[in-house]
Amino acid sequence: MADQTEKDEDLIPEETPGYKPPAEKDLATIVSADADDESLVKYKQTLLGGLDAAPEAAFPEDPRRVIVTKLALVVDGRPDLEIDLTGDLKALKKKKSCDKRRMSI
């Protein structure tokens, strides 16, 4: 039980004296900043994966900031395994995947 307590304590973030986090900005503000720098505009478009400055447009009714739609397992020497998380998650929980060593995932 002591080992679990130590592991839990490792998850608590440490405070850095004097650090003040920057003010929050919405995505539209970040995207529109540096609009005159072509390389930054291209870099931001690459990061967004083709979305415009309003990711809310993809899921307007969802208040979450991050929406995970796909899970990928990448292992050297093995084909990649991608799991689509946009469908029925109850059905996904019933589906099992097994690797060559017979470890259930």
PDB file of N, CA and C in Angstrom:
ATOM      1  N   MET A   1       0.824  -1.200   0.000  1.00  0.00           N
ATOM      2  CA  MET A   1       0.000   0.000   0.000  1.00  0.00           C
ATOM      3  C   MET A   1       0.868   1.265   0.000  1.00  0.00           C
ATOM      4  N   ALA A   2       2.034   1.172   0.673  1.00  0.00           N
ATOM      5  CA  ALA A   2       2.925   2.326   0.712  1.00  0.00           C
ATOM      6  C   ALA A   2       3.431   2.663  -0.677  1.00  0.00           C
ATOM      7  N   ASP A   3       3.663   1.639  -1.505  1.00  0.00           N
ATOM      8  CA  ASP A   3       4.133   1.874  -2.866  1.00  0.00           C
ATOM      9  C   ASP A   3       3.111   2.682  -3.663  1.00  0.00           C
ATOM     10  N   GLN A   4       1.826   2.362  -3.502  1.00  0.00           N
ATOM     11  CA  GLN A   4       0.774   3.083  -4.218  1.00  0.00           C
ATOM     12  C   GLN A   4       0.727   4.542  -3.770  1.00  0.00           C
ATOM     13  N   THR A   5       0.916   4.797  -2.465  1.00  0.00           N
ATOM     14  CA  THR A   5       0.913   6.163  -1.955  1.00  0.00           C
ATOM     15  C   THR A   5       2.061   6.958  -2.556  1.00  0.00           C
ATOM     16  N   GLU A   6       3.234   6.331  -2.658  1.00  0.00           N
ATOM     17  CA  GLU A   6       4.386   7.003  -3.245  1.00  0.00           C
ATOM     18  C   GLU A   6       4.131   7.321  -4.717  1.00  0.00           C
ATOM     19  N   LYS A   7       3.517   6.379  -5.437  1.00  0.00           N
ATOM     20  CA  LYS A   7       3.205   6.610  -6.846  1.00  0.00           C
ATOM     21  C   LYS A   7       2.214   7.760  -6.992  1.00  0.00           C
ATOM     22  N   ASP A   8       1.212   7.802  -6.111  1.00  0.00           N
ATOM     23  CA  ASP A   8       0.225   8.870  -6.166  1.00  0.00           C
ATOM     24  C   ASP A   8       0.868  10.229  -5.901  1.00  0.00           C
ATOM     25  N   GLU A   9       1.830  10.264  -4.969  1.00  0.00           N
ATOM     26  CA  GLU A   9       2.508  11.517  -4.656  1.00  0.00           C
ATOM     27  C   GLU A   9       3.334  12.007  -5.836  1.00  0.00           C
ATOM     28  N   ASP A  10       3.840  11.081  -6.647  1.00  0.00           N
ATOM     29  CA  ASP A  10       4.613  11.455  -7.830  1.00  0.00           C
ATOM     30  C   ASP A  10       3.743  12.167  -8.869  1.00  0.00           C
ATOM     31  N   LEU A  11       2.442  11.950  -8.823  1.00  0.00           N
ATOM     32  CA  LEU A  11       1.534  12.548  -9.795  1.00  0.00           C
ATOM     33  C   LEU A  11       1.138  13.977  -9.444  1.00  0.00           C
ATOM     34  N   ILE A  12       1.434  14.403  -8.232  1.00  0.00           N
ATOM     35  CA  ILE A  12       1.087  15.755  -7.806  1.00  0.00           C
ATOM     36  C   ILE A  12       2.119  16.718  -8.391  1.00  0.00           C
ATOM     37  N   PRO A  13       1.676  17.714  -9.156  1.00  0.00           N
ATOM     38  CA  PRO A  13       2.642  18.630  -9.773  1.00  0.00           C
ATOM     39  C   PRO A  13       3.374  19.460  -8.726  1.00  0.00           C
ATOM     40  N   GLU A  14       4.646  19.687  -8.984  1.00  0.00           N
ATOM     41  CA  GLU A  14       5.441  20.514  -8.079  1.00  0.00           C
ATOM     42  C   GLU A  14       5.273  21.975  -8.471  1.00  0.00           C
ATOM     43  N   GLU A  15       5.299  22.836  -7.487  1.00  0.00           N
ATOM     44  CA  GLU A  15       5.183  24.265  -7.749  1.00  0.00           C
ATOM     45  C   GLU A  15       6.569  24.835  -8.002  1.00  0.00           C
ATOM     46  N   THR A  16       6.671  25.699  -8.991  1.00  0.00           N
ATOM     47  CA  THR A  16       7.933  26.361  -9.288  1.00  0.00           C
ATOM     48  C   THR A  16       7.837  27.790  -8.771  1.00  0.00           C
ATOM     49  N   PRO A  17       8.668  28.131  -7.793  1.00  0.00           N
ATOM     50  CA  PRO A  17       8.592  29.484  -7.226  1.00  0.00           C
ATOM     51  C   PRO A  17       8.834  30.545  -8.292  1.00  0.00           C
ATOM     52  N   GLY A  18       7.992  31.572  -8.303  1.00  0.00           N
ATOM     53  CA  GLY A  18       8.149  32.676  -9.229  1.00  0.00           C
ATOM     54  C   GLY A  18       7.516  32.457 -10.592  1.00  0.00           C
ATOM     55  N   TYR A  19       7.051  31.238 -10.876  1.00  0.00           N
ATOM     56  CA  TYR A  19       6.438  30.985 -12.180  1.00  0.00           C
ATOM     57  C   TYR A  19       5.008  31.485 -12.188  1.00  0.00           C
ATOM     58  N   LYS A  20       4.697  32.264 -13.196  1.00  0.00           N
ATOM     59  CA  LYS A  20       3.333  32.752 -13.362  1.00  0.00           C
ATOM     60  C   LYS A  20       2.868  32.313 -14.748  1.00  0.00           C
ATOM     61  N   PRO A  21       1.856  31.446 -14.830  1.00  0.00           N
ATOM     62  CA  PRO A  21       1.415  30.975 -16.149  1.00  0.00           C
ATOM     63  C   PRO A  21       0.854  32.123 -16.977  1.00  0.00           C
ATOM     64  N   PRO A  22       1.019  32.039 -18.287  1.00  0.00           N
ATOM     65  CA  PRO A  22       0.488  33.103 -19.145  1.00  0.00           C
ATOM     66  C   PRO A  22      -1.035  33.110 -19.121  1.00  0.00           C
ATOM     67  N   ALA A  23      -1.600  34.234 -19.507  1.00  0.00           N
ATOM     68  CA  ALA A  23      -3.059  34.361 -19.562  1.00  0.00           C
ATOM     69  C   ALA A  23      -3.613  33.417 -20.623  1.00  0.00           C
ATOM     70  N   GLU A  24      -4.801  32.889 -20.388  1.00  0.00           N
ATOM     71  CA  GLU A  24      -5.428  31.992 -21.352  1.00  0.00           C
ATOM     72  C   GLU A  24      -5.840  32.767 -22.594  1.00  0.00           C
ATOM     73  N   LYS A  25      -5.678  32.093 -23.748  1.00  0.00           N
ATOM     74  CA  LYS A  25      -6.093  32.673 -25.022  1.00  0.00           C
ATOM     75  C   LYS A  25      -6.956  31.653 -25.730  1.00  0.00           C
ATOM     76  N   ASP A  26      -7.939  32.135 -26.465  1.00  0.00           N
ATOM     77  CA  ASP A  26      -8.739  31.195 -27.244  1.00  0.00           C
ATOM     78  C   ASP A  26      -8.003  30.878 -28.549  1.00  0.00           C
ATOM     79  N   LEU A  27      -8.405  29.815 -29.194  1.00  0.00           N
ATOM     80  CA  LEU A  27      -7.715  29.341 -30.384  1.00  0.00           C
ATOM     81  C   LEU A  27      -7.738  30.361 -31.518  1.00  0.00           C
ATOM     82  N   ALA A  28      -8.840  31.067 -31.654  1.00  0.00           N
ATOM     83  CA  ALA A  28      -8.939  32.065 -32.729  1.00  0.00           C
ATOM     84  C   ALA A  28      -7.878  33.145 -32.562  1.00  0.00           C
ATOM     85  N   THR A  29      -7.609  33.550 -31.330  1.00  0.00           N
ATOM     86  CA  THR A  29      -6.592  34.567 -31.064  1.00  0.00           C
ATOM     87  C   THR A  29      -5.207  34.046 -31.429  1.00  0.00           C
ATOM     88  N   ILE A  30      -4.929  32.813 -31.055  1.00  0.00           N
ATOM     89  CA  ILE A  30      -3.624  32.217 -31.348  1.00  0.00           C
ATOM     90  C   ILE A  30      -3.415  32.074 -32.851  1.00  0.00           C
ATOM     91  N   VAL A  31      -4.443  31.608 -33.557  1.00  0.00           N
ATOM     92  CA  VAL A  31      -4.332  31.413 -35.004  1.00  0.00           C
ATOM     93  C   VAL A  31      -4.156  32.743 -35.719  1.00  0.00           C
ATOM     94  N   SER A  32      -4.863  33.771 -35.282  1.00  0.00           N
ATOM     95  CA  SER A  32      -4.793  35.054 -35.979  1.00  0.00           C
ATOM     96  C   SER A  32      -3.508  35.826 -35.663  1.00  0.00           C
ATOM     97  N   ALA A  33      -2.823  35.474 -34.578  1.00  0.00           N
ATOM     98  CA  ALA A  33      -1.561  36.148 -34.263  1.00  0.00           C
ATOM     99  C   ALA A  33      -0.518  35.778 -35.314  1.00  0.00           C
ATOM    100  N   ASP A  34       0.367  36.685 -35.613  1.00  0.00           N
ATOM    101  CA  ASP A  34       1.450  36.474 -36.580  1.00  0.00           C
ATOM    102  C   ASP A  34       0.931  36.107 -37.962  1.00  0.00           C
ATOM    103  N   ALA A  35      -0.191  36.666 -38.363  1.00  0.00           N
ATOM    104  CA  ALA A  35      -0.779  36.349 -39.665  1.00  0.00           C
ATOM    105  C   ALA A  35       0.112  36.789 -40.822  1.00  0.00           C
ATOM    106  N   ASP A  36       1.041  37.714 -40.563  1.00  0.00           N
ATOM    107  CA  ASP A  36       1.923  38.181 -41.628  1.00  0.00           C
ATOM    108  C   ASP A  36       3.143  37.273 -41.824  1.00  0.00           C
ATOM    109  N   ASP A  37       3.365  36.329 -40.919  1.00  0.00           N
ATOM    110  CA  ASP A  37       4.494  35.401 -41.030  1.00  0.00           C
ATOM    111  C   ASP A  37       4.020  34.110 -41.700  1.00  0.00           C
ATOM    112  N   GLU A  38       4.371  33.945 -42.978  1.00  0.00           N
ATOM    113  CA  GLU A  38       3.877  32.822 -43.770  1.00  0.00           C
ATOM    114  C   GLU A  38       4.269  31.469 -43.178  1.00  0.00           C
ATOM    115  N   SER A  39       5.492  31.347 -42.648  1.00  0.00           N
ATOM    116  CA  SER A  39       5.929  30.064 -42.104  1.00  0.00           C
ATOM    117  C   SER A  39       5.147  29.702 -40.835  1.00  0.00           C
ATOM    118  N   LEU A  40       4.846  30.681 -39.997  1.00  0.00           N
ATOM    119  CA  LEU A  40       4.047  30.415 -38.794  1.00  0.00           C
ATOM    120  C   LEU A  40       2.615  30.046 -39.153  1.00  0.00           C
ATOM    121  N   VAL A  41       2.058  30.701 -40.144  1.00  0.00           N
ATOM    122  CA  VAL A  41       0.687  30.381 -40.588  1.00  0.00           C
ATOM    123  C   VAL A  41       0.640  28.936 -41.083  1.00  0.00           C
ATOM    124  N   LYS A  42       1.624  28.555 -41.878  1.00  0.00           N
ATOM    125  CA  LYS A  42       1.677  27.186 -42.409  1.00  0.00           C
ATOM    126  C   LYS A  42       1.860  26.175 -41.275  1.00  0.00           C
ATOM    127  N   TYR A  43       2.711  26.494 -40.299  1.00  0.00           N
ATOM    128  CA  TYR A  43       2.946  25.620 -39.152  1.00  0.00           C
ATOM    129  C   TYR A  43       1.662  25.432 -38.337  1.00  0.00           C
ATOM    130  N   LYS A  44       0.938  26.503 -38.099  1.00  0.00           N
ATOM    131  CA  LYS A  44      -0.311  26.427 -37.343  1.00  0.00           C
ATOM    132  C   LYS A  44      -1.359  25.609 -38.092  1.00  0.00           C
ATOM    133  N   GLN A  45      -1.407  25.742 -39.402  1.00  0.00           N
ATOM    134  CA  GLN A  45      -2.346  24.945 -40.191  1.00  0.00           C
ATOM    135  C   GLN A  45      -2.001  23.464 -40.102  1.00  0.00           C
ATOM    136  N   THR A  46      -0.707  23.150 -40.092  1.00  0.00           N
ATOM    137  CA  THR A  46      -0.269  21.759 -39.953  1.00  0.00           C
ATOM    138  C   THR A  46      -0.678  21.203 -38.591  1.00  0.00           C
ATOM    139  N   LEU A  47      -0.490  21.981 -37.543  1.00  0.00           N
ATOM    140  CA  LEU A  47      -0.856  21.542 -36.192  1.00  0.00           C
ATOM    141  C   LEU A  47      -2.356  21.301 -36.056  1.00  0.00           C
ATOM    142  N   LEU A  48      -3.145  22.126 -36.698  1.00  0.00           N
ATOM    143  CA  LEU A  48      -4.600  22.012 -36.586  1.00  0.00           C
ATOM    144  C   LEU A  48      -5.168  20.912 -37.473  1.00  0.00           C
ATOM    145  N   GLY A  49      -4.378  20.361 -38.348  1.00  0.00           N
ATOM    146  CA  GLY A  49      -4.848  19.271 -39.199  1.00  0.00           C
ATOM    147  C   GLY A  49      -5.973  19.660 -40.127  1.00  0.00           C
ATOM    148  N   GLY A  50      -5.940  20.861 -40.639  1.00  0.00           N
ATOM    149  CA  GLY A  50      -6.957  21.282 -41.594  1.00  0.00           C
ATOM    150  C   GLY A  50      -8.158  21.964 -40.965  1.00  0.00           C
ATOM    151  N   LEU A  51      -8.241  22.025 -39.639  1.00  0.00           N
ATOM    152  CA  LEU A  51      -9.355  22.746 -39.008  1.00  0.00           C
ATOM    153  C   LEU A  51      -9.130  24.239 -39.137  1.00  0.00           C
ATOM    154  N   ASP A  52     -10.202  24.973 -39.127  1.00  0.00           N
ATOM    155  CA  ASP A  52     -10.044  26.424 -39.115  1.00  0.00           C
ATOM    156  C   ASP A  52      -9.838  26.879 -37.671  1.00  0.00           C
ATOM    157  N   ALA A  53      -9.971  28.146 -37.412  1.00  0.00           N
ATOM    158  CA  ALA A  53      -9.724  28.697 -36.078  1.00  0.00           C
ATOM    159  C   ALA A  53     -10.827  28.372 -35.086  1.00  0.00           C
ATOM    160  N   ALA A  54     -11.862  27.687 -35.503  1.00  0.00           N
ATOM    161  CA  ALA A  54     -12.982  27.382 -34.614  1.00  0.00           C
ATOM    162  C   ALA A  54     -13.212  25.878 -34.531  1.00  0.00           C
ATOM    163  N   PRO A  55     -12.469  25.185 -33.652  1.00  0.00           N
ATOM    164  CA  PRO A  55     -12.671  23.750 -33.541  1.00  0.00           C
ATOM    165  C   PRO A  55     -14.050  23.409 -32.998  1.00  0.00           C
ATOM    166  N   GLU A  56     -14.711  24.398 -32.385  1.00  0.00           N
ATOM    167  CA  GLU A  56     -16.065  24.173 -31.880  1.00  0.00           C
ATOM    168  C   GLU A  56     -17.001  23.815 -33.025  1.00  0.00           C
ATOM    169  N   ALA A  57     -16.631  24.199 -34.241  1.00  0.00           N
ATOM    170  CA  ALA A  57     -17.478  23.921 -35.395  1.00  0.00           C
ATOM    171  C   ALA A  57     -17.609  22.414 -35.635  1.00  0.00           C
ATOM    172  N   ALA A  58     -16.586  21.652 -35.253  1.00  0.00           N
ATOM    173  CA  ALA A  58     -16.641  20.208 -35.432  1.00  0.00           C
ATOM    174  C   ALA A  58     -17.638  19.575 -34.454  1.00  0.00           C
ATOM    175  N   PHE A  59     -17.677  20.072 -33.220  1.00  0.00           N
ATOM    176  CA  PHE A  59     -18.578  19.561 -32.182  1.00  0.00           C
ATOM    177  C   PHE A  59     -19.186  20.751 -31.435  1.00  0.00           C
ATOM    178  N   PRO A  60     -20.135  21.459 -32.033  1.00  0.00           N
ATOM    179  CA  PRO A  60     -20.644  22.692 -31.422  1.00  0.00           C
ATOM    180  C   PRO A  60     -21.352  22.492 -30.083  1.00  0.00           C
ATOM    181  N   GLU A  61     -21.934  21.314 -29.852  1.00  0.00           N
ATOM    182  CA  GLU A  61     -22.675  21.097 -28.611  1.00  0.00           C
ATOM    183  C   GLU A  61     -21.800  20.553 -27.485  1.00  0.00           C
ATOM    184  N   ASP A  62     -20.520  20.278 -27.746  1.00  0.00           N
ATOM    185  CA  ASP A  62     -19.639  19.657 -26.767  1.00  0.00           C
ATOM    186  C   ASP A  62     -18.755  20.713 -26.101  1.00  0.00           C
ATOM    187  N   PRO A  63     -18.868  20.897 -24.768  1.00  0.00           N
ATOM    188  CA  PRO A  63     -18.109  21.942 -24.090  1.00  0.00           C
ATOM    189  C   PRO A  63     -16.650  21.566 -23.805  1.00  0.00           C
ATOM    190  N   ARG A  64     -16.252  20.310 -24.061  1.00  0.00           N
ATOM    191  CA  ARG A  64     -14.877  19.906 -23.755  1.00  0.00           C
ATOM    192  C   ARG A  64     -13.881  20.616 -24.662  1.00  0.00           C
ATOM    193  N   ARG A  65     -12.680  20.810 -24.151  1.00  0.00           N
ATOM    194  CA  ARG A  65     -11.635  21.454 -24.943  1.00  0.00           C
ATOM    195  C   ARG A  65     -10.887  20.464 -25.813  1.00  0.00           C
ATOM    196  N   VAL A  66     -10.750  19.245 -25.337  1.00  0.00           N
ATOM    197  CA  VAL A  66     -10.056  18.212 -26.092  1.00  0.00           C
ATOM    198  C   VAL A  66     -11.015  17.048 -26.296  1.00  0.00           C
ATOM    199  N   ILE A  67     -11.145  16.613 -27.532  1.00  0.00           N
ATOM    200  CA  ILE A  67     -12.030  15.504 -27.858  1.00  0.00           C
ATOM    201  C   ILE A  67     -11.194  14.458 -28.582  1.00  0.00           C
ATOM    202  N   VAL A  68     -10.967  13.333 -27.925  1.00  0.00           N
ATOM    203  CA  VAL A  68     -10.158  12.264 -28.514  1.00  0.00           C
ATOM    204  C   VAL A  68     -11.065  11.442 -29.422  1.00  0.00           C
ATOM    205  N   THR A  69     -10.706  11.375 -30.701  1.00  0.00           N
ATOM    206  CA  THR A  69     -11.530  10.653 -31.663  1.00  0.00           C
ATOM    207  C   THR A  69     -10.875   9.375 -32.157  1.00  0.00           C
ATOM    208  N   LYS A  70      -9.564   9.236 -31.918  1.00  0.00           N
ATOM    209  CA  LYS A  70      -8.867   8.048 -32.386  1.00  0.00           C
ATOM    210  C   LYS A  70      -7.720   7.732 -31.432  1.00  0.00           C
ATOM    211  N   LEU A  71      -7.495   6.445 -31.200  1.00  0.00           N
ATOM    212  CA  LEU A  71      -6.390   5.975 -30.374  1.00  0.00           C
ATOM    213  C   LEU A  71      -5.511   5.113 -31.261  1.00  0.00           C
ATOM    214  N   ALA A  72      -4.224   5.397 -31.278  1.00  0.00           N
ATOM    215  CA  ALA A  72      -3.308   4.634 -32.135  1.00  0.00           C
ATOM    216  C   ALA A  72      -2.230   3.985 -31.278  1.00  0.00           C
ATOM    217  N   LEU A  73      -1.962   2.718 -31.555  1.00  0.00           N
ATOM    218  CA  LEU A  73      -0.901   1.973 -30.887  1.00  0.00           C
ATOM    219  C   LEU A  73       0.172   1.713 -31.933  1.00  0.00           C
ATOM    220  N   VAL A  74       1.347   2.280 -31.718  1.00  0.00           N
ATOM    221  CA  VAL A  74       2.439   2.171 -32.676  1.00  0.00           C
ATOM    222  C   VAL A  74       3.590   1.431 -32.001  1.00  0.00           C
ATOM    223  N   VAL A  75       3.962   0.292 -32.564  1.00  0.00           N
ATOM    224  CA  VAL A  75       5.040  -0.533 -32.029  1.00  0.00           C
ATOM    225  C   VAL A  75       5.992  -0.855 -33.172  1.00  0.00           C
ATOM    226  N   ASP A  76       7.295  -0.694 -32.922  1.00  0.00           N
ATOM    227  CA  ASP A  76       8.285  -1.005 -33.959  1.00  0.00           C
ATOM    228  C   ASP A  76       8.153  -2.445 -34.413  1.00  0.00           C
ATOM    229  N   GLY A  77       8.189  -2.651 -35.713  1.00  0.00           N
ATOM    230  CA  GLY A  77       8.144  -3.987 -36.286  1.00  0.00           C
ATOM    231  C   GLY A  77       6.761  -4.609 -36.347  1.00  0.00           C
ATOM    232  N   ARG A  78       5.726  -3.848 -36.007  1.00  0.00           N
ATOM    233  CA  ARG A  78       4.356  -4.360 -36.029  1.00  0.00           C
ATOM    234  C   ARG A  78       3.479  -3.368 -36.767  1.00  0.00           C
ATOM    235  N   PRO A  79       2.408  -3.851 -37.372  1.00  0.00           N
ATOM    236  CA  PRO A  79       1.498  -2.893 -38.020  1.00  0.00           C
ATOM    237  C   PRO A  79       0.799  -2.023 -36.962  1.00  0.00           C
ATOM    238  N   ASP A  80       0.556  -0.787 -37.319  1.00  0.00           N
ATOM    239  CA  ASP A  80      -0.119   0.130 -36.396  1.00  0.00           C
ATOM    240  C   ASP A  80      -1.552  -0.322 -36.160  1.00  0.00           C
ATOM    241  N   LEU A  81      -2.027  -0.111 -34.942  1.00  0.00           N
ATOM    242  CA  LEU A  81      -3.405  -0.428 -34.582  1.00  0.00           C
ATOM    243  C   LEU A  81      -4.102   0.882 -34.262  1.00  0.00           C
ATOM    244  N   GLU A  82      -5.160   1.190 -34.999  1.00  0.00           N
ATOM    245  CA  GLU A  82      -5.918   2.414 -34.760  1.00  0.00           C
ATOM    246  C   GLU A  82      -7.334   2.055 -34.336  1.00  0.00           C
ATOM    247  N   ILE A  83      -7.800   2.723 -33.278  1.00  0.00           N
ATOM    248  CA  ILE A  83      -9.140   2.473 -32.757  1.00  0.00           C
ATOM    249  C   ILE A  83      -9.948   3.758 -32.885  1.00  0.00           C
ATOM    250  N   ASP A  84     -11.065   3.686 -33.596  1.00  0.00           N
ATOM    251  CA  ASP A  84     -11.953   4.825 -33.778  1.00  0.00           C
ATOM    252  C   ASP A  84     -12.818   4.977 -32.532  1.00  0.00           C
ATOM    253  N   LEU A  85     -12.748   6.126 -31.890  1.00  0.00           N
ATOM    254  CA  LEU A  85     -13.486   6.374 -30.652  1.00  0.00           C
ATOM    255  C   LEU A  85     -14.741   7.200 -30.861  1.00  0.00           C
ATOM    256  N   THR A  86     -15.143   7.393 -32.108  1.00  0.00           N
ATOM    257  CA  THR A  86     -16.314   8.223 -32.368  1.00  0.00           C
ATOM    258  C   THR A  86     -17.606   7.425 -32.358  1.00  0.00           C
ATOM    259  N   GLY A  87     -17.534   6.114 -32.394  1.00  0.00           N
ATOM    260  CA  GLY A  87     -18.737   5.280 -32.433  1.00  0.00           C
ATOM    261  C   GLY A  87     -19.260   4.953 -31.041  1.00  0.00           C
ATOM    262  N   ASP A  88     -19.979   3.862 -30.949  1.00  0.00           N
ATOM    263  CA  ASP A  88     -20.568   3.409 -29.692  1.00  0.00           C
ATOM    264  C   ASP A  88     -19.481   2.836 -28.794  1.00  0.00           C
ATOM    265  N   LEU A  89     -19.173   3.523 -27.682  1.00  0.00           N
ATOM    266  CA  LEU A  89     -18.095   3.085 -26.802  1.00  0.00           C
ATOM    267  C   LEU A  89     -18.453   1.810 -26.042  1.00  0.00           C
ATOM    268  N   LYS A  90     -19.735   1.566 -25.806  1.00  0.00           N
ATOM    269  CA  LYS A  90     -20.133   0.323 -25.131  1.00  0.00           C
ATOM    270  C   LYS A  90     -19.790  -0.880 -26.000  1.00  0.00           C
ATOM    271  N   ALA A  91     -20.017  -0.769 -27.299  1.00  0.00           N
ATOM    272  CA  ALA A  91     -19.659  -1.851 -28.218  1.00  0.00           C
ATOM    273  C   ALA A  91     -18.150  -2.002 -28.295  1.00  0.00           C
ATOM    274  N   LEU A  92     -17.426  -0.895 -28.221  1.00  0.00           N
ATOM    275  CA  LEU A  92     -15.971  -0.932 -28.270  1.00  0.00           C
ATOM    276  C   LEU A  92     -15.400  -1.647 -27.046  1.00  0.00           C
ATOM    277  N   LYS A  93     -16.016  -1.451 -25.882  1.00  0.00           N
ATOM    278  CA  LYS A  93     -15.547  -2.107 -24.664  1.00  0.00           C
ATOM    279  C   LYS A  93     -15.689  -3.624 -24.762  1.00  0.00           C
ATOM    280  N   LYS A  94     -16.703  -4.092 -25.478  1.00  0.00           N
ATOM    281  CA  LYS A  94     -16.920  -5.530 -25.623  1.00  0.00           C
ATOM    282  C   LYS A  94     -15.930  -6.156 -26.593  1.00  0.00           C
ATOM    283  N   LYS A  95     -15.425  -5.345 -27.520  1.00  0.00           N
ATOM    284  CA  LYS A  95     -14.493  -5.843 -28.526  1.00  0.00           C
ATOM    285  C   LYS A  95     -13.113  -6.014 -27.895  1.00  0.00           C
ATOM    286  N   LYS A  96     -12.501  -7.171 -28.095  1.00  0.00           N
ATOM    287  CA  LYS A  96     -11.185  -7.436 -27.534  1.00  0.00           C
ATOM    288  C   LYS A  96     -10.183  -7.549 -28.666  1.00  0.00           C
ATOM    289  N   SER A  97      -8.971  -7.173 -28.359  1.00  0.00           N
ATOM    290  CA  SER A  97      -7.885  -7.299 -29.314  1.00  0.00           C
ATOM    291  C   SER A  97      -6.782  -8.101 -28.635  1.00  0.00           C
ATOM    292  N   CYS A  98      -6.083  -8.910 -29.392  1.00  0.00           N
ATOM    293  CA  CYS A  98      -5.086  -9.776 -28.795  1.00  0.00           C
ATOM    294  C   CYS A  98      -3.832  -9.735 -29.656  1.00  0.00           C
ATOM    295  N   ASP A  99      -2.657  -9.604 -29.012  1.00  0.00           N
ATOM    296  CA  ASP A  99      -1.433  -9.629 -29.788  1.00  0.00           C
ATOM    297  C   ASP A  99      -0.870 -11.048 -29.848  1.00  0.00           C
ATOM    298  N   LYS A 100       0.272 -11.236 -30.493  1.00  0.00           N
ATOM    299  CA  LYS A 100       0.831 -12.568 -30.718  1.00  0.00           C
ATOM    300  C   LYS A 100       1.214 -13.281 -29.424  1.00  0.00           C
ATOM    301  N   ARG A 101       1.472 -12.549 -28.378  1.00  0.00           N
ATOM    302  CA  ARG A 101       1.827 -13.171 -27.095  1.00  0.00           C
ATOM    303  C   ARG A 101       0.592 -13.471 -26.266  1.00  0.00           C
ATOM    304  N   ARG A 102      -0.571 -13.275 -26.870  1.00  0.00           N
ATOM    305  CA  ARG A 102      -1.855 -13.536 -26.214  1.00  0.00           C
ATOM    306  C   ARG A 102      -2.120 -12.619 -25.030  1.00  0.00           C
ATOM    307  N   MET A 103      -1.668 -11.392 -25.141  1.00  0.00           N
ATOM    308  CA  MET A 103      -1.973 -10.398 -24.117  1.00  0.00           C
ATOM    309  C   MET A 103      -3.221  -9.661 -24.566  1.00  0.00           C
ATOM    310  N   SER A 104      -4.249  -9.666 -23.749  1.00  0.00           N
ATOM    311  CA  SER A 104      -5.478  -8.957 -24.108  1.00  0.00           C
ATOM    312  C   SER A 104      -5.268  -7.472 -23.955  1.00  0.00           C
ATOM    313  N   ILE A 105      -5.799  -6.727 -24.896  1.00  0.00           N
ATOM    314  CA  ILE A 105      -5.693  -5.269 -24.853  1.00  0.00           C
ATOM    315  C   ILE A 105      -7.092  -4.705 -24.688  1.00  0.00           C
TER     316      ILE A 105
END
